[in-house]
Amino acid sequence: MNKTAEHLVAMLKATGMTCATAESCTGGGIGSAITSVPGSSEVYLGGVVSYSNQVKHEVLGVSSSSLETFGAVSPQVAEVMALGVRRLTRADIAVSVTGIAGPGGGSAEKPVGLVWFGLATADGVRSEKKLFMGDRASVRAQAVTHALGMLQVASAKP
């Protein structure tokens, strides 16, 4: 069991908050980590694995123009993904992740290991950029851990 996920679930229970996830490159890994914790059903409302742009658009509300202009791996898309899943689930906080886990798919502007995160709360939305090193599994694992940490920090706020 993931210690960060355990701590997150305990913090959410303590504050009476709920969370949700919108995942692309992690393919449900964040939700899996949270739901591996006993009692997580009290605080985790659900998630959307939006691996395709079609799901990002049709389910989470990312505009086609944002996907065309900025690409799926961008702060703009990460933010709308987080807002979309928060709206769908009515969670207090929501995190999103969209990135390039590799081994292919990278470019000079968007290299393998680039991951954008979105965090939506009652206070608004923000994005965060990380560049992780390692193979596909390592990039995905690091993205899961980072997203759990973002939720943890957000759940600590009164």
C-alpha atoms as a PDB file:
ATOM      1  CA  MET A   1       0.000   0.000   0.000  1.00  0.00           C
ATOM      2  CA  ASN A   2       1.173   3.503  -0.863  1.00  0.00           C
ATOM      3  CA  LYS A   3       2.096   5.472   2.290  1.00  0.00           C
ATOM      4  CA  THR A   4       1.260   8.792   0.622  1.00  0.00           C
ATOM      5  CA  ALA A   5      -2.196   7.475  -0.266  1.00  0.00           C
ATOM      6  CA  GLU A   6      -2.692   6.248   3.308  1.00  0.00           C
ATOM      7  CA  HIS A   7      -1.782   9.657   4.667  1.00  0.00           C
ATOM      8  CA  LEU A   8      -4.023  11.381   2.109  1.00  0.00           C
ATOM      9  CA  VAL A   9      -7.050   9.272   3.056  1.00  0.00           C
ATOM     10  CA  ALA A  10      -6.427   9.947   6.762  1.00  0.00           C
ATOM     11  CA  MET A  11      -6.159  13.707   6.117  1.00  0.00           C
ATOM     12  CA  LEU A  12      -9.311  13.776   3.998  1.00  0.00           C
ATOM     13  CA  LYS A  13     -11.213  11.899   6.720  1.00  0.00           C
ATOM     14  CA  ALA A  14      -9.910  14.288   9.372  1.00  0.00           C
ATOM     15  CA  THR A  15     -10.992  17.366   7.403  1.00  0.00           C
ATOM     16  CA  GLY A  16     -14.224  15.876   6.067  1.00  0.00           C
ATOM     17  CA  MET A  17     -13.131  16.566   2.492  1.00  0.00           C
ATOM     18  CA  THR A  18     -13.574  14.490  -0.648  1.00  0.00           C
ATOM     19  CA  CYS A  19     -11.418  14.073  -3.741  1.00  0.00           C
ATOM     20  CA  ALA A  20     -11.611  12.916  -7.350  1.00  0.00           C
ATOM     21  CA  THR A  21      -9.143  12.213 -10.148  1.00  0.00           C
ATOM     22  CA  ALA A  22      -8.859  12.773 -13.900  1.00  0.00           C
ATOM     23  CA  GLU A  23      -6.063  10.677 -15.370  1.00  0.00           C
ATOM     24  CA  SER A  24      -4.467  10.272 -18.748  1.00  0.00           C
ATOM     25  CA  CYS A  25      -0.895   8.922 -18.741  1.00  0.00           C
ATOM     26  CA  THR A  26      -1.295   7.248 -15.332  1.00  0.00           C
ATOM     27  CA  GLY A  27      -4.262   5.213 -16.595  1.00  0.00           C
ATOM     28  CA  GLY A  28      -6.052   5.031 -13.259  1.00  0.00           C
ATOM     29  CA  GLY A  29      -2.956   4.632 -11.092  1.00  0.00           C
ATOM     30  CA  ILE A  30      -3.878   7.513  -8.789  1.00  0.00           C
ATOM     31  CA  GLY A  31      -7.364   6.172  -8.168  1.00  0.00           C
ATOM     32  CA  SER A  32      -5.912   2.690  -7.687  1.00  0.00           C
ATOM     33  CA  ALA A  33      -3.451   3.948  -5.071  1.00  0.00           C
ATOM     34  CA  ILE A  34      -6.216   5.763  -3.170  1.00  0.00           C
ATOM     35  CA  THR A  35      -8.666   2.857  -3.287  1.00  0.00           C
ATOM     36  CA  SER A  36      -6.022   0.428  -2.025  1.00  0.00           C
ATOM     37  CA  VAL A  37      -6.441   2.164   1.355  1.00  0.00           C
ATOM     38  CA  PRO A  38      -9.186   0.677   3.552  1.00  0.00           C
ATOM     39  CA  GLY A  39     -11.939   3.220   4.161  1.00  0.00           C
ATOM     40  CA  SER A  40     -11.087   5.297   1.104  1.00  0.00           C
ATOM     41  CA  SER A  41     -14.713   5.045  -0.047  1.00  0.00           C
ATOM     42  CA  GLU A  42     -15.523   7.689   2.567  1.00  0.00           C
ATOM     43  CA  VAL A  43     -13.372  10.279   0.806  1.00  0.00           C
ATOM     44  CA  TYR A  44     -12.691   9.210  -2.807  1.00  0.00           C
ATOM     45  CA  LEU A  45     -15.687   9.905  -5.026  1.00  0.00           C
ATOM     46  CA  GLY A  46     -14.291   8.552  -8.279  1.00  0.00           C
ATOM     47  CA  GLY A  47     -12.253   9.312 -11.319  1.00  0.00           C
ATOM     48  CA  VAL A  48     -12.173   9.499 -15.085  1.00  0.00           C
ATOM     49  CA  VAL A  49      -9.447   7.806 -17.076  1.00  0.00           C
ATOM     50  CA  SER A  50      -9.379  10.090 -20.103  1.00  0.00           C
ATOM     51  CA  TYR A  51      -6.654   8.504 -22.166  1.00  0.00           C
ATOM     52  CA  SER A  52      -8.111   9.738 -25.445  1.00  0.00           C
ATOM     53  CA  ASN A  53      -8.688  13.336 -26.477  1.00  0.00           C
ATOM     54  CA  GLN A  54     -12.292  12.385 -27.241  1.00  0.00           C
ATOM     55  CA  VAL A  55     -12.926  11.543 -23.568  1.00  0.00           C
ATOM     56  CA  LYS A  56     -11.049  14.641 -22.429  1.00  0.00           C
ATOM     57  CA  HIS A  57     -13.408  16.652 -24.644  1.00  0.00           C
ATOM     58  CA  GLU A  58     -16.735  14.838 -24.289  1.00  0.00           C
ATOM     59  CA  VAL A  59     -16.578  13.850 -20.614  1.00  0.00           C
ATOM     60  CA  LEU A  60     -14.312  16.410 -18.942  1.00  0.00           C
ATOM     61  CA  GLY A  61     -15.162  19.437 -21.078  1.00  0.00           C
ATOM     62  CA  VAL A  62     -11.770  20.203 -22.621  1.00  0.00           C
ATOM     63  CA  SER A  63     -12.447  22.262 -25.736  1.00  0.00           C
ATOM     64  CA  SER A  64     -11.375  20.955 -29.116  1.00  0.00           C
ATOM     65  CA  SER A  65      -9.615  24.255 -29.725  1.00  0.00           C
ATOM     66  CA  SER A  66      -7.498  23.830 -26.557  1.00  0.00           C
ATOM     67  CA  LEU A  67      -6.535  20.324 -27.611  1.00  0.00           C
ATOM     68  CA  GLU A  68      -5.604  21.551 -31.103  1.00  0.00           C
ATOM     69  CA  THR A  69      -3.831  24.729 -29.979  1.00  0.00           C
ATOM     70  CA  PHE A  70      -1.997  23.560 -26.854  1.00  0.00           C
ATOM     71  CA  GLY A  71      -2.053  19.762 -27.152  1.00  0.00           C
ATOM     72  CA  ALA A  72      -3.253  17.229 -24.602  1.00  0.00           C
ATOM     73  CA  VAL A  73      -0.057  17.641 -22.571  1.00  0.00           C
ATOM     74  CA  SER A  74      -0.437  21.266 -21.516  1.00  0.00           C
ATOM     75  CA  PRO A  75      -1.375  23.338 -18.477  1.00  0.00           C
ATOM     76  CA  GLN A  76      -4.584  24.460 -20.155  1.00  0.00           C
ATOM     77  CA  VAL A  77      -5.802  20.894 -20.647  1.00  0.00           C
ATOM     78  CA  ALA A  78      -4.659  19.737 -17.196  1.00  0.00           C
ATOM     79  CA  GLU A  79      -6.627  22.551 -15.551  1.00  0.00           C
ATOM     80  CA  VAL A  80      -9.849  21.858 -17.449  1.00  0.00           C
ATOM     81  CA  MET A  81      -9.503  18.136 -16.730  1.00  0.00           C
ATOM     82  CA  ALA A  82      -9.316  18.855 -12.988  1.00  0.00           C
ATOM     83  CA  LEU A  83     -12.233  21.282 -13.150  1.00  0.00           C
ATOM     84  CA  GLY A  84     -14.249  18.800 -15.200  1.00  0.00           C
ATOM     85  CA  VAL A  85     -13.881  15.875 -12.808  1.00  0.00           C
ATOM     86  CA  ARG A  86     -14.521  18.127  -9.810  1.00  0.00           C
ATOM     87  CA  ARG A  87     -17.740  19.304 -11.462  1.00  0.00           C
ATOM     88  CA  LEU A  88     -18.805  15.755 -12.385  1.00  0.00           C
ATOM     89  CA  THR A  89     -18.217  14.304  -8.921  1.00  0.00           C
ATOM     90  CA  ARG A  90     -18.800  17.405  -6.789  1.00  0.00           C
ATOM     91  CA  ALA A  91     -15.582  16.622  -4.928  1.00  0.00           C
ATOM     92  CA  ASP A  92     -13.943  19.221  -2.710  1.00  0.00           C
ATOM     93  CA  ILE A  93     -10.603  18.756  -4.475  1.00  0.00           C
ATOM     94  CA  ALA A  94      -9.643  17.141  -7.763  1.00  0.00           C
ATOM     95  CA  VAL A  95      -6.333  16.376  -9.380  1.00  0.00           C
ATOM     96  CA  SER A  96      -5.597  15.685 -13.032  1.00  0.00           C
ATOM     97  CA  VAL A  97      -2.575  14.333 -14.850  1.00  0.00           C
ATOM     98  CA  THR A  98      -1.641  14.401 -18.537  1.00  0.00           C
ATOM     99  CA  GLY A  99       1.796  13.599 -19.834  1.00  0.00           C
ATOM    100  CA  ILE A 100       4.191  11.694 -22.043  1.00  0.00           C
ATOM    101  CA  ALA A 101       5.299   8.498 -20.311  1.00  0.00           C
ATOM    102  CA  GLY A 102       7.284   7.180 -23.282  1.00  0.00           C
ATOM    103  CA  PRO A 103       9.205   5.525 -24.597  1.00  0.00           C
ATOM    104  CA  GLY A 104       7.971   7.323 -27.736  1.00  0.00           C
ATOM    105  CA  GLY A 105       5.769  10.341 -28.303  1.00  0.00           C
ATOM    106  CA  GLY A 106       8.161  13.006 -27.086  1.00  0.00           C
ATOM    107  CA  SER A 107       9.489  16.031 -28.939  1.00  0.00           C
ATOM    108  CA  ALA A 108      11.977  18.820 -28.290  1.00  0.00           C
ATOM    109  CA  GLU A 109       9.172  20.994 -26.882  1.00  0.00           C
ATOM    110  CA  LYS A 110       7.467  18.156 -25.027  1.00  0.00           C
ATOM    111  CA  PRO A 111       9.999  15.490 -24.097  1.00  0.00           C
ATOM    112  CA  VAL A 112       9.271  12.036 -22.710  1.00  0.00           C
ATOM    113  CA  GLY A 113       8.741  12.440 -18.967  1.00  0.00           C
ATOM    114  CA  LEU A 114       6.863  15.746 -19.240  1.00  0.00           C
ATOM    115  CA  VAL A 115       3.743  15.689 -17.082  1.00  0.00           C
ATOM    116  CA  TRP A 116       1.258  18.459 -16.389  1.00  0.00           C
ATOM    117  CA  PHE A 117      -0.929  18.310 -13.285  1.00  0.00           C
ATOM    118  CA  GLY A 118      -4.089  20.252 -12.531  1.00  0.00           C
ATOM    119  CA  LEU A 119      -5.554  20.874  -9.086  1.00  0.00           C
ATOM    120  CA  ALA A 120      -9.090  22.184  -8.686  1.00  0.00           C
ATOM    121  CA  THR A 121     -10.459  23.339  -5.323  1.00  0.00           C
ATOM    122  CA  ALA A 122     -13.123  25.743  -4.122  1.00  0.00           C
ATOM    123  CA  ASP A 123     -10.446  28.449  -4.434  1.00  0.00           C
ATOM    124  CA  GLY A 124      -9.920  27.837  -8.152  1.00  0.00           C
ATOM    125  CA  VAL A 125      -7.568  25.850 -10.331  1.00  0.00           C
ATOM    126  CA  ARG A 126      -3.836  25.771 -10.916  1.00  0.00           C
ATOM    127  CA  SER A 127      -1.385  23.675 -12.882  1.00  0.00           C
ATOM    128  CA  GLU A 128       2.050  22.297 -12.192  1.00  0.00           C
ATOM    129  CA  LYS A 129       4.707  21.005 -14.577  1.00  0.00           C
ATOM    130  CA  LYS A 130       7.143  18.201 -13.834  1.00  0.00           C
ATOM    131  CA  LEU A 131       9.787  16.476 -15.921  1.00  0.00           C
ATOM    132  CA  PHE A 132      10.375  12.953 -14.656  1.00  0.00           C
ATOM    133  CA  MET A 133      13.285  10.737 -15.644  1.00  0.00           C
ATOM    134  CA  GLY A 134      13.245   6.997 -16.203  1.00  0.00           C
ATOM    135  CA  ASP A 135      11.333   4.448 -18.205  1.00  0.00           C
ATOM    136  CA  ARG A 136       7.574   4.413 -18.813  1.00  0.00           C
ATOM    137  CA  ALA A 137       6.749   2.637 -15.540  1.00  0.00           C
ATOM    138  CA  SER A 138       8.969   5.000 -13.568  1.00  0.00           C
ATOM    139  CA  VAL A 139       7.456   8.148 -15.120  1.00  0.00           C
ATOM    140  CA  ARG A 140       3.957   6.861 -14.386  1.00  0.00           C
ATOM    141  CA  ALA A 141       4.840   5.916 -10.791  1.00  0.00           C
ATOM    142  CA  GLN A 142       6.432   9.315 -10.149  1.00  0.00           C
ATOM    143  CA  ALA A 143       3.350  11.047 -11.581  1.00  0.00           C
ATOM    144  CA  VAL A 144       1.045   9.049  -9.283  1.00  0.00           C
ATOM    145  CA  THR A 145       3.141   9.953  -6.237  1.00  0.00           C
ATOM    146  CA  HIS A 146       3.255  13.629  -7.180  1.00  0.00           C
ATOM    147  CA  ALA A 147      -0.512  13.798  -7.738  1.00  0.00           C
ATOM    148  CA  LEU A 148      -1.177  12.147  -4.371  1.00  0.00           C
ATOM    149  CA  GLY A 149       1.105  14.729  -2.777  1.00  0.00           C
ATOM    150  CA  MET A 150      -0.796  17.573  -4.429  1.00  0.00           C
ATOM    151  CA  LEU A 151      -4.074  16.212  -3.053  1.00  0.00           C
ATOM    152  CA  GLN A 152      -2.497  15.817   0.365  1.00  0.00           C
ATOM    153  CA  VAL A 153      -1.328  19.439   0.462  1.00  0.00           C
ATOM    154  CA  ALA A 154      -4.737  20.655  -0.708  1.00  0.00           C
ATOM    155  CA  SER A 155      -6.529  18.548   1.908  1.00  0.00           C
ATOM    156  CA  ALA A 156      -4.465  20.136   4.676  1.00  0.00           C
ATOM    157  CA  LYS A 157      -5.989  23.550   4.006  1.00  0.00           C
ATOM    158  CA  PRO A 158      -8.894  24.464   6.272  1.00  0.00           C
END
